């Protein structure tokens, strides 16, 4: 009887652990990702409201474009090539939106 109770307890524990592991973090939408990114950079770099608004627009475009590429039927190599172009456009937008000091801090803090 003692072994039966130990067996039941271990099975219940195993099921509970499996249930927790099977619930990964929900995938965020491009809007949520862009907002999180903007909020983080706004705090870290002390962006103005105008900069923050421009950054959000740029980040939203980046996230939507990235999602389209990831969901496409392209090969991994083609996806990689497209994502490199999208990231370069994002970098260019950041250089335009941020001051030189902010961009320097960004490149040192967010590689």
Protein backbone atom coordinates (compact mmCIF):
# COMPACT_ATOMS: atom_id res chain seq x y z
CA UNK A 1 0.00 0.00 0.00
CA UNK A 2 2.85 2.35 0.83
CA UNK A 3 4.39 1.83 -2.60
CA UNK A 4 1.04 2.39 -4.27
CA UNK A 5 0.68 5.80 -2.56
CA UNK A 6 4.21 6.78 -3.58
CA UNK A 7 3.44 5.73 -7.16
CA UNK A 8 0.23 7.79 -7.25
CA UNK A 9 1.99 10.85 -5.80
CA UNK A 10 4.80 10.63 -8.35
CA UNK A 11 2.33 10.25 -11.22
CA UNK A 12 0.32 13.26 -10.05
CA UNK A 13 3.51 15.31 -9.70
CA UNK A 14 4.67 14.26 -13.16
CA UNK A 15 1.33 15.24 -14.71
CA UNK A 16 1.39 18.61 -12.94
CA UNK A 17 4.91 19.36 -14.14
CA UNK A 18 4.05 18.33 -17.70
CA UNK A 19 1.00 20.57 -17.72
CA UNK A 20 3.07 23.56 -16.68
CA UNK A 21 5.78 22.89 -19.26
CA UNK A 22 3.18 22.55 -22.03
CA UNK A 23 2.00 26.13 -21.60
CA UNK A 24 4.72 28.27 -23.18
CA UNK A 25 4.48 32.04 -23.33
CA UNK A 26 1.84 33.19 -25.78
CA UNK A 27 3.20 34.55 -29.05
CA UNK A 28 2.91 38.31 -29.10
CA UNK A 29 1.41 40.26 -31.96
CA UNK A 30 3.52 42.70 -33.99
CA UNK A 31 1.70 45.56 -32.24
CA UNK A 32 2.61 44.23 -28.79
CA UNK A 33 6.22 43.59 -29.79
CA UNK A 34 6.57 47.09 -31.26
CA UNK A 35 5.06 48.65 -28.14
CA UNK A 36 7.39 46.72 -25.81
CA UNK A 37 10.43 47.66 -27.89
CA UNK A 38 9.38 51.32 -27.99
CA UNK A 39 8.68 51.43 -24.26
CA UNK A 40 12.04 49.87 -23.47
CA UNK A 41 14.01 52.25 -25.67
CA UNK A 42 11.99 55.26 -24.53
CA UNK A 43 13.02 54.56 -20.92
CA UNK A 44 16.60 53.52 -21.65
CA UNK A 45 17.41 56.37 -24.04
CA UNK A 46 15.06 59.02 -22.61
CA UNK A 47 13.29 59.61 -25.93
CA UNK A 48 11.07 62.60 -26.54
CA UNK A 49 7.38 61.97 -27.27
CA UNK A 50 8.01 62.70 -30.95
CA UNK A 51 10.91 60.26 -31.09
CA UNK A 52 8.86 57.66 -29.27
CA UNK A 53 5.99 58.01 -31.75
CA UNK A 54 8.34 57.71 -34.75
CA UNK A 55 10.09 54.74 -33.18
CA UNK A 56 6.77 52.98 -32.62
CA UNK A 57 5.79 53.44 -36.28
CA UNK A 58 9.17 52.15 -37.42
CA UNK A 59 9.08 49.21 -35.00
CA UNK A 60 5.57 48.24 -36.03
CA UNK A 61 6.61 48.19 -39.69
CA UNK A 62 9.65 46.09 -38.79
CA UNK A 63 7.60 43.58 -36.78
CA UNK A 64 4.92 43.25 -39.47
CA UNK A 65 7.50 42.82 -42.23
CA UNK A 66 9.37 40.25 -40.15
CA UNK A 67 6.19 38.30 -39.49
CA UNK A 68 5.32 38.24 -43.19
CA UNK A 69 8.76 36.87 -44.06
CA UNK A 70 8.68 34.26 -41.28
CA UNK A 71 5.27 32.98 -42.41
CA UNK A 72 6.22 32.93 -46.08
CA UNK A 73 7.02 29.81 -48.08
CA UNK A 74 10.54 31.02 -48.83
CA UNK A 75 13.56 28.85 -48.14
CA UNK A 76 15.52 29.58 -44.97
CA UNK A 77 18.28 31.21 -47.03
CA UNK A 78 15.76 33.48 -48.77
CA UNK A 79 14.15 34.37 -45.45
CA UNK A 80 17.55 35.21 -44.02
CA UNK A 81 18.35 37.49 -46.97
CA UNK A 82 15.04 39.33 -46.61
CA UNK A 83 15.46 39.68 -42.85
CA UNK A 84 18.93 41.18 -43.32
CA UNK A 85 17.38 43.84 -45.56
CA UNK A 86 14.58 44.50 -43.06
CA UNK A 87 17.08 44.82 -40.19
CA UNK A 88 19.21 47.23 -42.23
CA UNK A 89 16.13 49.38 -42.84
CA UNK A 90 15.38 49.32 -39.11
CA UNK A 91 18.94 50.39 -38.31
CA UNK A 92 18.69 53.21 -40.82
CA UNK A 93 15.41 54.37 -39.27
CA UNK A 94 16.96 54.33 -35.80
CA UNK A 95 19.86 56.48 -37.00
CA UNK A 96 17.32 58.95 -38.38
CA UNK A 97 15.11 58.99 -35.27
CA UNK A 98 17.74 59.03 -32.52
CA UNK A 99 20.31 61.70 -31.76
CA UNK A 100 23.97 60.77 -32.18
CA UNK A 101 24.36 60.31 -28.43
CA UNK A 102 21.23 58.17 -28.16
CA UNK A 103 22.28 56.03 -31.11
CA UNK A 104 25.74 55.50 -29.62
CA UNK A 105 24.18 54.45 -26.32
CA UNK A 106 21.78 52.18 -28.22
CA UNK A 107 24.58 50.42 -30.11
CA UNK A 108 26.56 49.90 -26.91
CA UNK A 109 23.59 48.70 -24.85
CA UNK A 110 21.46 46.81 -27.36
CA UNK A 111 23.74 44.90 -29.74
